[in-house]
Amino acid sequence: MNVPAEIPRDILQPVTREPEEDKKKYTYIVRFLKITNTTLLIEVTQLNDAVANFPHRIMRLEQKVEKKSSTV
C-alpha cells in the first residue's frame, strides 16, 4: 500500500461555500411562557415558512434548574 509522503493542501482547506438554501432569512418569535426560580419554559415560532407564510411552532423547551446556594 503506497502512502503519499505529504497530504495535498487542498484537502486540508476548510469549505466556506454555503448552499443557497442556507441563505434564506427567517423570523422567529420567542415567547417566555413560564419563568420561576427553578423552571424556564420557552416556545419558539418560526414565521415566513416556505409553505404559504404559515407560522408554526418549531420548539417548546422546558428547562428545570436545581437551586444551588453558594457561599464565598
N, C-alpha and C. Protein backbone atom coordinates (compact mmCIF):
# COMPACT_ATOMS: atom_id res chain seq x y z
N MET A 1 0.85 -1.19 0.00
CA MET A 1 0.00 0.00 0.00
C MET A 1 0.89 1.24 0.00
N ASN A 2 0.72 2.09 -0.97
CA ASN A 2 1.51 3.30 -1.08
C ASN A 2 0.83 4.45 -0.34
N VAL A 3 1.55 5.09 0.55
CA VAL A 3 1.03 6.24 1.29
C VAL A 3 1.79 7.47 0.84
N PRO A 4 1.07 8.55 0.41
CA PRO A 4 1.80 9.74 -0.02
C PRO A 4 2.56 10.35 1.14
N ALA A 5 3.74 10.88 0.84
CA ALA A 5 4.57 11.46 1.87
C ALA A 5 3.97 12.74 2.44
N GLU A 6 3.20 13.46 1.61
CA GLU A 6 2.62 14.73 2.06
C GLU A 6 1.15 14.78 1.63
N ILE A 7 0.30 15.23 2.52
CA ILE A 7 -1.13 15.35 2.20
C ILE A 7 -1.32 16.58 1.32
N PRO A 8 -2.03 16.47 0.21
CA PRO A 8 -2.26 17.64 -0.64
C PRO A 8 -2.96 18.76 0.14
N ARG A 9 -2.53 19.98 -0.08
CA ARG A 9 -3.04 21.14 0.67
C ARG A 9 -4.52 21.39 0.46
N ASP A 10 -5.05 21.12 -0.74
CA ASP A 10 -6.46 21.42 -0.99
C ASP A 10 -7.39 20.53 -0.16
N ILE A 11 -6.91 19.41 0.29
CA ILE A 11 -7.72 18.55 1.15
C ILE A 11 -7.87 19.18 2.54
N LEU A 12 -6.85 19.90 2.98
CA LEU A 12 -6.86 20.45 4.33
C LEU A 12 -7.59 21.79 4.44
N GLN A 13 -7.97 22.40 3.31
CA GLN A 13 -8.64 23.70 3.36
C GLN A 13 -10.09 23.53 3.79
N PRO A 14 -10.57 24.39 4.71
CA PRO A 14 -11.96 24.29 5.13
C PRO A 14 -12.90 24.73 4.01
N VAL A 15 -14.08 24.15 3.99
CA VAL A 15 -15.08 24.51 2.98
C VAL A 15 -15.84 25.71 3.50
N THR A 16 -15.85 26.79 2.73
CA THR A 16 -16.52 28.01 3.18
C THR A 16 -17.77 28.31 2.37
N ARG A 17 -18.02 27.59 1.30
CA ARG A 17 -19.19 27.84 0.47
C ARG A 17 -20.44 27.36 1.18
N GLU A 18 -21.48 28.20 1.18
CA GLU A 18 -22.74 27.84 1.82
C GLU A 18 -23.76 27.48 0.74
N PRO A 19 -24.54 26.46 0.96
CA PRO A 19 -25.61 26.15 0.00
C PRO A 19 -26.60 27.32 -0.08
N GLU A 20 -27.24 27.47 -1.21
CA GLU A 20 -28.19 28.57 -1.41
C GLU A 20 -29.33 28.52 -0.41
N GLU A 21 -29.77 27.34 -0.02
CA GLU A 21 -30.91 27.24 0.88
C GLU A 21 -30.60 27.76 2.28
N ASP A 22 -29.31 27.79 2.66
CA ASP A 22 -28.94 28.31 3.98
C ASP A 22 -29.00 29.83 4.04
N LYS A 23 -29.13 30.49 2.91
CA LYS A 23 -29.13 31.94 2.89
C LYS A 23 -30.52 32.55 3.07
N LYS A 24 -31.54 31.72 3.23
CA LYS A 24 -32.89 32.23 3.45
C LYS A 24 -32.96 32.91 4.81
N LYS A 25 -33.76 33.96 4.89
CA LYS A 25 -33.93 34.68 6.14
C LYS A 25 -35.25 34.24 6.77
N TYR A 26 -35.19 33.96 8.05
CA TYR A 26 -36.39 33.57 8.78
C TYR A 26 -36.58 34.51 9.96
N THR A 27 -37.81 34.63 10.39
CA THR A 27 -38.12 35.43 11.57
C THR A 27 -38.68 34.48 12.62
N TYR A 28 -38.18 34.64 13.84
CA TYR A 28 -38.63 33.78 14.94
C TYR A 28 -39.26 34.62 16.03
N ILE A 29 -40.30 34.09 16.64
CA ILE A 29 -40.90 34.71 17.82
C ILE A 29 -40.60 33.80 18.99
N VAL A 30 -39.99 34.35 20.02
CA VAL A 30 -39.66 33.57 21.22
C VAL A 30 -40.56 34.06 22.34
N ARG A 31 -41.35 33.16 22.88
CA ARG A 31 -42.24 33.50 23.98
C ARG A 31 -41.75 32.81 25.25
N PHE A 32 -41.58 33.60 26.29
CA PHE A 32 -41.22 33.03 27.59
C PHE A 32 -42.53 32.74 28.31
N LEU A 33 -42.88 31.47 28.43
CA LEU A 33 -44.18 31.10 28.96
C LEU A 33 -44.18 30.98 30.47
N LYS A 34 -43.06 30.60 31.04
CA LYS A 34 -43.01 30.40 32.49
C LYS A 34 -41.58 30.64 32.97
N ILE A 35 -41.44 31.55 33.88
CA ILE A 35 -40.13 31.81 34.45
C ILE A 35 -40.28 31.79 35.97
N THR A 36 -39.62 30.84 36.61
CA THR A 36 -39.59 30.78 38.06
C THR A 36 -38.14 30.57 38.47
N ASN A 37 -37.93 30.36 39.75
CA ASN A 37 -36.57 30.11 40.23
C ASN A 37 -36.02 28.78 39.73
N THR A 38 -36.90 27.86 39.40
CA THR A 38 -36.42 26.52 39.02
C THR A 38 -36.82 26.10 37.61
N THR A 39 -37.65 26.88 36.91
CA THR A 39 -38.16 26.45 35.61
C THR A 39 -38.13 27.59 34.61
N LEU A 40 -37.72 27.25 33.40
CA LEU A 40 -37.80 28.18 32.28
C LEU A 40 -38.49 27.44 31.14
N LEU A 41 -39.63 27.96 30.69
CA LEU A 41 -40.38 27.34 29.60
C LEU A 41 -40.48 28.36 28.47
N ILE A 42 -39.91 28.02 27.32
CA ILE A 42 -39.97 28.92 26.18
C ILE A 42 -40.60 28.20 24.99
N GLU A 43 -41.18 28.99 24.10
CA GLU A 43 -41.75 28.46 22.87
C GLU A 43 -41.22 29.30 21.71
N VAL A 44 -40.71 28.63 20.68
CA VAL A 44 -40.16 29.33 19.53
C VAL A 44 -41.07 29.05 18.34
N THR A 45 -41.51 30.13 17.68
CA THR A 45 -42.36 30.01 16.50
C THR A 45 -41.62 30.62 15.32
N GLN A 46 -41.63 29.94 14.20
CA GLN A 46 -40.96 30.44 13.01
C GLN A 46 -42.00 31.03 12.07
N LEU A 47 -41.75 32.26 11.63
CA LEU A 47 -42.58 32.88 10.60
C LEU A 47 -41.89 32.71 9.25
N ASN A 48 -42.48 33.26 8.20
CA ASN A 48 -42.02 33.13 6.81
C ASN A 48 -41.62 31.69 6.50
N ASP A 49 -42.51 30.80 6.77
CA ASP A 49 -42.29 29.42 6.40
C ASP A 49 -42.28 29.30 4.88
N ALA A 50 -41.64 28.30 4.39
CA ALA A 50 -41.58 28.12 2.94
C ALA A 50 -42.96 27.81 2.36
N VAL A 51 -43.87 27.34 3.20
CA VAL A 51 -45.20 26.98 2.71
C VAL A 51 -46.20 28.07 3.10
N ALA A 52 -46.49 28.98 2.20
CA ALA A 52 -47.56 29.97 2.32
C ALA A 52 -47.45 30.87 3.55
N ASN A 53 -46.24 31.17 3.99
CA ASN A 53 -46.04 32.06 5.15
C ASN A 53 -46.86 31.65 6.36
N PHE A 54 -46.99 30.38 6.58
CA PHE A 54 -47.81 29.90 7.70
C PHE A 54 -46.92 29.74 8.93
N PRO A 55 -47.20 30.49 10.00
CA PRO A 55 -46.35 30.36 11.19
C PRO A 55 -46.54 28.99 11.86
N HIS A 56 -45.50 28.42 12.35
CA HIS A 56 -45.62 27.16 13.06
C HIS A 56 -44.60 27.10 14.19
N ARG A 57 -45.00 26.40 15.23
CA ARG A 57 -44.11 26.24 16.38
C ARG A 57 -43.04 25.22 16.03
N ILE A 58 -41.79 25.58 16.28
CA ILE A 58 -40.71 24.63 15.96
C ILE A 58 -40.05 24.06 17.22
N MET A 59 -40.27 24.71 18.35
CA MET A 59 -39.62 24.20 19.55
C MET A 59 -40.37 24.66 20.79
N ARG A 60 -40.51 23.78 21.72
CA ARG A 60 -41.02 24.13 23.04
C ARG A 60 -40.07 23.48 24.03
N LEU A 61 -39.44 24.29 24.84
CA LEU A 61 -38.37 23.79 25.71
C LEU A 61 -38.67 24.16 27.14
N GLU A 62 -38.64 23.17 27.99
CA GLU A 62 -38.77 23.42 29.43
C GLU A 62 -37.49 22.96 30.09
N GLN A 63 -36.89 23.87 30.83
CA GLN A 63 -35.61 23.56 31.48
C GLN A 63 -35.79 23.66 32.99
N LYS A 64 -35.50 22.58 33.68
CA LYS A 64 -35.53 22.58 35.14
C LYS A 64 -34.13 22.88 35.64
N VAL A 65 -34.04 23.73 36.64
CA VAL A 65 -32.74 24.12 37.18
C VAL A 65 -32.72 23.81 38.66
N GLU A 66 -31.67 23.14 39.08
CA GLU A 66 -31.51 22.89 40.51
C GLU A 66 -31.04 24.17 41.18
N LYS A 67 -31.67 24.47 42.29
CA LYS A 67 -31.25 25.66 43.01
C LYS A 67 -30.07 25.28 43.90
N LYS A 68 -28.96 25.96 43.68
CA LYS A 68 -27.76 25.68 44.46
C LYS A 68 -27.35 26.96 45.17
N SER A 69 -27.06 26.83 46.42
CA SER A 69 -26.59 28.00 47.14
C SER A 69 -25.07 28.00 47.14
N SER A 70 -24.51 29.17 46.99
CA SER A 70 -23.06 29.26 47.01
C SER A 70 -22.64 30.31 48.01
N THR A 71 -21.59 30.00 48.71
CA THR A 71 -21.06 30.96 49.68
C THR A 71 -19.62 31.25 49.31
N VAL A 72 -19.25 32.48 49.47
CA VAL A 72 -17.89 32.87 49.10
C VAL A 72 -17.08 33.11 50.37
